[in-house]
């Protein structure tokens, strides 16, 4: 995303961020819980969440937080696991303490519709 502007990335793991910073030194990396970090409301044109949603306890709150960070007309790049495909392939159950909340297309659309409704009504 760097060719298009400034990039800020967040993760819980300092180690993951240190490796990423070595590979992409021009990006800003912030360690901590995304839900509590201060980024500024309506501060971003684009937000990306790639293969994270299934590992978040409160998916609606997570997407709502991302939506509030976006400027009006901003864009969300979202990729998440597809439950029907993963179940078909018999992916092993999560390890103890691991969070995994896969969803199908209908569930994802419903979740995104709730976020859109929330944004239209305001906080």
N, C-alpha and C. Protein backbone atom coordinates (compact mmCIF):
# COMPACT_ATOMS: atom_id res chain seq x y z
N UNK A 1 0.80 -1.20 0.00
CA UNK A 1 0.00 0.00 0.00
C UNK A 1 0.85 1.27 0.00
N UNK A 2 2.13 1.13 0.32
CA UNK A 2 3.00 2.31 0.40
C UNK A 2 3.04 3.16 -0.87
N UNK A 3 2.95 2.57 -2.07
CA UNK A 3 2.97 3.44 -3.25
C UNK A 3 1.79 4.43 -3.30
N UNK A 4 0.77 4.17 -2.50
CA UNK A 4 -0.43 5.01 -2.53
C UNK A 4 -0.52 6.00 -1.38
N UNK A 5 0.40 5.93 -0.43
CA UNK A 5 0.35 6.87 0.69
C UNK A 5 0.98 6.29 1.94
N UNK A 6 0.73 6.94 3.07
CA UNK A 6 1.28 6.49 4.35
C UNK A 6 0.55 5.24 4.82
N UNK A 7 1.27 4.38 5.52
CA UNK A 7 0.71 3.11 5.99
C UNK A 7 0.96 3.00 7.49
N UNK A 8 -0.11 2.63 8.22
CA UNK A 8 -0.03 2.34 9.64
C UNK A 8 -0.53 0.92 9.84
N UNK A 9 0.21 0.12 10.60
CA UNK A 9 -0.19 -1.27 10.86
C UNK A 9 -0.15 -1.52 12.36
N UNK A 10 -1.06 -2.36 12.84
CA UNK A 10 -1.12 -2.69 14.26
C UNK A 10 -1.14 -4.20 14.44
N UNK A 11 -0.56 -4.62 15.55
CA UNK A 11 -0.58 -6.05 15.90
C UNK A 11 -0.30 -6.16 17.39
N UNK A 12 -0.78 -7.24 17.98
CA UNK A 12 -0.51 -7.49 19.40
C UNK A 12 0.94 -7.88 19.65
N UNK A 13 1.57 -8.47 18.66
CA UNK A 13 2.90 -9.05 18.83
C UNK A 13 4.02 -8.08 18.46
N UNK A 14 4.85 -7.75 19.44
CA UNK A 14 6.03 -6.92 19.16
C UNK A 14 6.97 -7.63 18.18
N UNK A 15 7.08 -8.95 18.30
CA UNK A 15 7.97 -9.71 17.43
C UNK A 15 7.51 -9.65 15.97
N UNK A 16 6.21 -9.80 15.75
CA UNK A 16 5.67 -9.71 14.39
C UNK A 16 5.94 -8.32 13.82
N UNK A 17 5.71 -7.30 14.62
CA UNK A 17 5.92 -5.93 14.15
C UNK A 17 7.39 -5.64 13.88
N UNK A 18 8.28 -6.19 14.69
CA UNK A 18 9.71 -5.98 14.45
C UNK A 18 10.14 -6.59 13.12
N UNK A 19 9.64 -7.79 12.83
CA UNK A 19 9.97 -8.42 11.53
C UNK A 19 9.39 -7.60 10.39
N UNK A 20 8.17 -7.14 10.55
CA UNK A 20 7.53 -6.34 9.49
C UNK A 20 8.27 -5.02 9.29
N UNK A 21 8.70 -4.40 10.36
CA UNK A 21 9.42 -3.12 10.26
C UNK A 21 10.75 -3.28 9.54
N UNK A 22 11.39 -4.42 9.71
CA UNK A 22 12.65 -4.66 8.98
C UNK A 22 12.37 -4.79 7.48
N UNK A 23 11.25 -5.39 7.12
CA UNK A 23 10.92 -5.58 5.70
C UNK A 23 10.34 -4.32 5.07
N UNK A 24 9.61 -3.53 5.87
CA UNK A 24 8.92 -2.35 5.33
C UNK A 24 9.22 -1.16 6.26
N UNK A 25 10.42 -0.62 6.20
CA UNK A 25 10.81 0.43 7.16
C UNK A 25 10.04 1.74 7.02
N UNK A 26 9.42 1.99 5.89
CA UNK A 26 8.70 3.26 5.71
C UNK A 26 7.30 3.25 6.33
N UNK A 27 6.81 2.10 6.74
CA UNK A 27 5.48 2.01 7.36
C UNK A 27 5.60 2.31 8.85
N UNK A 28 4.48 2.71 9.43
CA UNK A 28 4.40 2.95 10.88
C UNK A 28 3.77 1.70 11.51
N UNK A 29 4.42 1.16 12.52
CA UNK A 29 3.93 -0.05 13.19
C UNK A 29 3.62 0.29 14.65
N UNK A 30 2.43 -0.11 15.09
CA UNK A 30 1.96 0.19 16.43
C UNK A 30 1.62 -1.11 17.14
N UNK A 31 2.24 -1.34 18.29
CA UNK A 31 1.99 -2.55 19.07
C UNK A 31 0.85 -2.31 20.05
N UNK A 32 -0.02 -3.29 20.16
CA UNK A 32 -1.09 -3.20 21.15
C UNK A 32 -2.40 -3.75 20.62
N UNK A 33 -3.41 -3.62 21.46
CA UNK A 33 -4.76 -4.08 21.13
C UNK A 33 -5.43 -3.06 20.22
N UNK A 34 -5.71 -3.46 19.01
CA UNK A 34 -6.31 -2.56 18.01
C UNK A 34 -7.55 -1.86 18.55
N UNK A 35 -8.31 -2.54 19.39
CA UNK A 35 -9.56 -1.99 19.89
C UNK A 35 -9.34 -0.83 20.86
N UNK A 36 -8.15 -0.70 21.43
CA UNK A 36 -7.90 0.36 22.40
C UNK A 36 -6.85 1.38 21.95
N UNK A 37 -6.17 1.10 20.86
CA UNK A 37 -5.16 2.05 20.37
C UNK A 37 -5.83 3.30 19.80
N UNK A 38 -5.15 4.42 19.92
CA UNK A 38 -5.69 5.69 19.41
C UNK A 38 -5.12 5.96 18.02
N UNK A 39 -6.00 5.99 17.04
CA UNK A 39 -5.59 6.27 15.66
C UNK A 39 -6.22 7.56 15.13
N UNK A 40 -7.30 8.01 15.74
CA UNK A 40 -8.02 9.18 15.26
C UNK A 40 -9.22 8.78 14.42
N UNK A 41 -10.37 9.36 14.72
CA UNK A 41 -11.59 9.06 13.98
C UNK A 41 -11.51 9.65 12.56
N UNK A 42 -12.06 8.94 11.61
CA UNK A 42 -12.13 9.39 10.21
C UNK A 42 -10.77 9.86 9.70
N UNK A 43 -9.73 9.11 10.01
CA UNK A 43 -8.37 9.52 9.67
C UNK A 43 -7.79 8.79 8.47
N UNK A 44 -8.48 7.77 7.96
CA UNK A 44 -7.89 6.93 6.91
C UNK A 44 -8.79 6.83 5.69
N UNK A 45 -8.16 6.79 4.53
CA UNK A 45 -8.89 6.60 3.27
C UNK A 45 -9.16 5.11 3.01
N UNK A 46 -8.25 4.26 3.47
CA UNK A 46 -8.35 2.81 3.24
C UNK A 46 -7.95 2.10 4.52
N UNK A 47 -8.69 1.05 4.86
CA UNK A 47 -8.33 0.17 5.97
C UNK A 47 -8.34 -1.26 5.46
N UNK A 48 -7.40 -2.05 5.92
CA UNK A 48 -7.34 -3.44 5.51
C UNK A 48 -7.33 -4.37 6.69
N UNK A 49 -8.07 -5.45 6.57
CA UNK A 49 -8.07 -6.52 7.56
C UNK A 49 -8.00 -7.83 6.80
N UNK A 50 -6.84 -8.45 6.84
CA UNK A 50 -6.61 -9.65 6.04
C UNK A 50 -6.45 -10.86 6.93
N UNK A 51 -7.43 -11.75 6.88
CA UNK A 51 -7.42 -13.01 7.64
C UNK A 51 -7.34 -12.77 9.14
N UNK A 52 -7.99 -11.71 9.63
CA UNK A 52 -8.00 -11.39 11.06
C UNK A 52 -9.38 -11.63 11.66
N UNK A 53 -10.42 -11.33 10.95
CA UNK A 53 -11.78 -11.31 11.48
C UNK A 53 -12.16 -12.58 12.23
N UNK A 54 -11.79 -13.74 11.75
CA UNK A 54 -12.15 -15.00 12.39
C UNK A 54 -11.48 -15.18 13.75
N UNK A 55 -10.49 -14.36 14.05
CA UNK A 55 -9.74 -14.50 15.30
C UNK A 55 -10.06 -13.38 16.29
N UNK A 56 -11.17 -12.69 16.06
CA UNK A 56 -11.59 -11.57 16.90
C UNK A 56 -12.84 -11.98 17.69
N UNK A 57 -12.83 -11.74 18.99
CA UNK A 57 -13.95 -12.16 19.84
C UNK A 57 -15.24 -11.44 19.46
N UNK A 58 -15.20 -10.13 19.30
CA UNK A 58 -16.40 -9.36 18.97
C UNK A 58 -16.21 -8.78 17.56
N UNK A 59 -16.65 -9.54 16.58
CA UNK A 59 -16.43 -9.17 15.19
C UNK A 59 -17.17 -7.88 14.82
N UNK A 60 -18.37 -7.70 15.34
CA UNK A 60 -19.12 -6.48 15.02
C UNK A 60 -18.41 -5.25 15.58
N UNK A 61 -17.93 -5.32 16.80
CA UNK A 61 -17.19 -4.19 17.38
C UNK A 61 -15.90 -3.92 16.61
N UNK A 62 -15.22 -4.98 16.20
CA UNK A 62 -13.98 -4.84 15.45
C UNK A 62 -14.22 -4.10 14.13
N UNK A 63 -15.22 -4.56 13.37
CA UNK A 63 -15.51 -3.89 12.09
C UNK A 63 -16.05 -2.48 12.30
N UNK A 64 -16.81 -2.29 13.36
CA UNK A 64 -17.29 -0.94 13.68
C UNK A 64 -16.14 0.01 13.97
N UNK A 65 -15.14 -0.49 14.68
CA UNK A 65 -13.95 0.32 14.98
C UNK A 65 -13.22 0.69 13.69
N UNK A 66 -13.05 -0.27 12.80
CA UNK A 66 -12.42 0.03 11.51
C UNK A 66 -13.24 1.07 10.76
N UNK A 67 -14.54 0.89 10.73
CA UNK A 67 -15.41 1.81 9.99
C UNK A 67 -15.29 3.23 10.53
N UNK A 68 -15.17 3.38 11.84
CA UNK A 68 -15.05 4.73 12.42
C UNK A 68 -13.70 5.38 12.09
N UNK A 69 -12.71 4.56 11.76
CA UNK A 69 -11.40 5.11 11.40
C UNK A 69 -11.39 5.64 9.96
N UNK A 70 -12.34 5.18 9.16
CA UNK A 70 -12.38 5.57 7.75
C UNK A 70 -13.02 6.94 7.57
N UNK A 71 -12.45 7.70 6.66
CA UNK A 71 -13.08 8.96 6.25
C UNK A 71 -14.36 8.65 5.48
N UNK A 72 -15.28 9.61 5.39
CA UNK A 72 -16.47 9.38 4.53
C UNK A 72 -16.02 9.00 3.12
N UNK A 73 -16.59 7.95 2.59
CA UNK A 73 -16.22 7.46 1.28
C UNK A 73 -15.00 6.55 1.30
N UNK A 74 -14.47 6.26 2.50
CA UNK A 74 -13.30 5.39 2.62
C UNK A 74 -13.62 3.96 2.23
N UNK A 75 -12.58 3.16 2.08
CA UNK A 75 -12.74 1.78 1.60
C UNK A 75 -12.15 0.79 2.58
N UNK A 76 -12.83 -0.33 2.75
CA UNK A 76 -12.36 -1.43 3.56
C UNK A 76 -11.94 -2.58 2.65
N UNK A 77 -10.71 -3.04 2.82
CA UNK A 77 -10.22 -4.24 2.14
C UNK A 77 -10.31 -5.36 3.17
N UNK A 78 -11.21 -6.30 2.96
CA UNK A 78 -11.46 -7.34 3.94
C UNK A 78 -11.32 -8.72 3.31
N UNK A 79 -10.50 -9.55 3.91
CA UNK A 79 -10.41 -10.95 3.51
C UNK A 79 -10.55 -11.77 4.79
N UNK A 80 -11.38 -12.79 4.73
CA UNK A 80 -11.56 -13.66 5.88
C UNK A 80 -11.80 -15.08 5.41
N UNK A 81 -11.62 -16.00 6.34
CA UNK A 81 -11.77 -17.41 6.02
C UNK A 81 -13.22 -17.72 5.63
N UNK A 82 -13.37 -18.67 4.71
CA UNK A 82 -14.67 -19.08 4.20
C UNK A 82 -15.04 -20.41 4.87
N UNK A 83 -15.97 -20.34 5.83
CA UNK A 83 -16.29 -21.52 6.62
C UNK A 83 -16.67 -22.75 5.79
N UNK A 84 -17.57 -22.67 4.81
CA UNK A 84 -17.94 -23.87 4.06
C UNK A 84 -16.75 -24.57 3.40
N UNK A 85 -15.83 -23.81 2.88
CA UNK A 85 -14.66 -24.40 2.24
C UNK A 85 -13.74 -25.05 3.27
N UNK A 86 -13.52 -24.36 4.38
CA UNK A 86 -12.64 -24.91 5.40
C UNK A 86 -13.26 -26.17 6.04
N UNK A 87 -14.58 -26.17 6.24
CA UNK A 87 -15.23 -27.36 6.78
C UNK A 87 -15.16 -28.52 5.79
N UNK A 88 -15.32 -28.23 4.53
CA UNK A 88 -15.22 -29.26 3.49
C UNK A 88 -13.84 -29.91 3.50
N UNK A 89 -12.82 -29.11 3.78
CA UNK A 89 -11.45 -29.61 3.81
C UNK A 89 -11.03 -30.16 5.18
N UNK A 90 -11.98 -30.22 6.09
CA UNK A 90 -11.75 -30.81 7.41
C UNK A 90 -10.53 -30.21 8.13
N UNK A 91 -10.49 -28.92 8.22
CA UNK A 91 -9.43 -28.23 8.96
C UNK A 91 -9.55 -28.64 10.43
N UNK A 92 -8.46 -28.99 11.09
CA UNK A 92 -8.53 -29.41 12.49
C UNK A 92 -9.14 -28.34 13.39
N UNK A 93 -9.71 -28.77 14.50
CA UNK A 93 -10.27 -27.85 15.49
C UNK A 93 -9.17 -26.93 16.02
N UNK A 94 -9.56 -25.75 16.49
CA UNK A 94 -8.53 -24.85 17.03
C UNK A 94 -7.89 -25.43 18.30
N UNK A 95 -6.67 -25.03 18.53
CA UNK A 95 -5.97 -25.44 19.75
C UNK A 95 -6.60 -24.74 20.94
N UNK A 96 -6.43 -25.30 22.14
CA UNK A 96 -6.96 -24.62 23.34
C UNK A 96 -6.46 -23.18 23.42
N UNK A 97 -7.38 -22.27 23.69
CA UNK A 97 -7.04 -20.86 23.79
C UNK A 97 -7.02 -20.12 22.47
N UNK A 98 -7.14 -20.84 21.36
CA UNK A 98 -7.15 -20.21 20.05
C UNK A 98 -8.58 -19.84 19.67
N UNK A 99 -8.78 -18.64 19.18
CA UNK A 99 -10.10 -18.17 18.79
C UNK A 99 -10.28 -18.36 17.30
N UNK A 100 -11.40 -18.98 16.93
CA UNK A 100 -11.70 -19.17 15.51
C UNK A 100 -13.21 -19.10 15.33
N UNK A 101 -13.66 -18.04 14.68
CA UNK A 101 -15.09 -17.86 14.40
C UNK A 101 -15.26 -17.65 12.90
N UNK A 102 -15.23 -18.75 12.17
CA UNK A 102 -15.42 -18.67 10.73
C UNK A 102 -16.85 -18.27 10.42
N UNK A 103 -17.06 -17.76 9.22
CA UNK A 103 -18.43 -17.43 8.79
C UNK A 103 -18.56 -17.73 7.31
N UNK A 104 -19.82 -17.84 6.89
CA UNK A 104 -20.09 -18.02 5.47
C UNK A 104 -20.48 -16.67 4.87
N UNK A 105 -20.75 -16.67 3.59
CA UNK A 105 -21.05 -15.44 2.86
C UNK A 105 -22.27 -14.71 3.46
N UNK A 106 -23.32 -15.45 3.77
CA UNK A 106 -24.54 -14.84 4.33
C UNK A 106 -24.25 -14.17 5.66
N UNK A 107 -23.52 -14.85 6.53
CA UNK A 107 -23.18 -14.28 7.84
C UNK A 107 -22.31 -13.04 7.71
N UNK A 108 -21.37 -13.06 6.78
CA UNK A 108 -20.51 -11.90 6.58
C UNK A 108 -21.33 -10.72 6.06
N UNK A 109 -22.21 -10.98 5.11
CA UNK A 109 -23.07 -9.90 4.60
C UNK A 109 -23.94 -9.31 5.71
N UNK A 110 -24.48 -10.16 6.57
CA UNK A 110 -25.31 -9.67 7.69
C UNK A 110 -24.48 -8.81 8.64
N UNK A 111 -23.28 -9.26 8.93
CA UNK A 111 -22.40 -8.49 9.81
C UNK A 111 -22.07 -7.14 9.20
N UNK A 112 -21.74 -7.12 7.93
CA UNK A 112 -21.42 -5.86 7.26
C UNK A 112 -22.64 -4.95 7.18
N UNK A 113 -23.82 -5.51 7.01
CA UNK A 113 -25.05 -4.71 6.98
C UNK A 113 -25.29 -4.05 8.34
N UNK A 114 -25.03 -4.77 9.43
CA UNK A 114 -25.19 -4.18 10.77
C UNK A 114 -24.22 -3.02 10.97
N UNK A 115 -23.01 -3.17 10.46
CA UNK A 115 -22.03 -2.08 10.58
C UNK A 115 -22.49 -0.88 9.77
N UNK A 116 -22.99 -1.11 8.57
CA UNK A 116 -23.48 -0.01 7.72
C UNK A 116 -24.63 0.72 8.40
N UNK A 117 -25.53 -0.02 9.02
CA UNK A 117 -26.66 0.59 9.74
C UNK A 117 -26.16 1.42 10.90
N UNK A 118 -25.20 0.88 11.62
CA UNK A 118 -24.62 1.60 12.77
C UNK A 118 -24.01 2.92 12.32
N UNK A 119 -23.26 2.88 11.22
CA UNK A 119 -22.60 4.09 10.73
C UNK A 119 -23.61 5.12 10.25
N UNK A 120 -24.69 4.65 9.62
CA UNK A 120 -25.71 5.58 9.13
C UNK A 120 -26.40 6.30 10.29
N UNK A 121 -26.51 5.60 11.44
CA UNK A 121 -27.20 6.18 12.60
C UNK A 121 -26.26 6.98 13.49
N UNK A 122 -24.97 6.74 13.34
CA UNK A 122 -24.00 7.42 14.19
C UNK A 122 -23.75 6.63 15.47
N UNK A 123 -22.71 6.98 16.21
CA UNK A 123 -22.36 6.24 17.43
C UNK A 123 -23.37 6.43 18.53
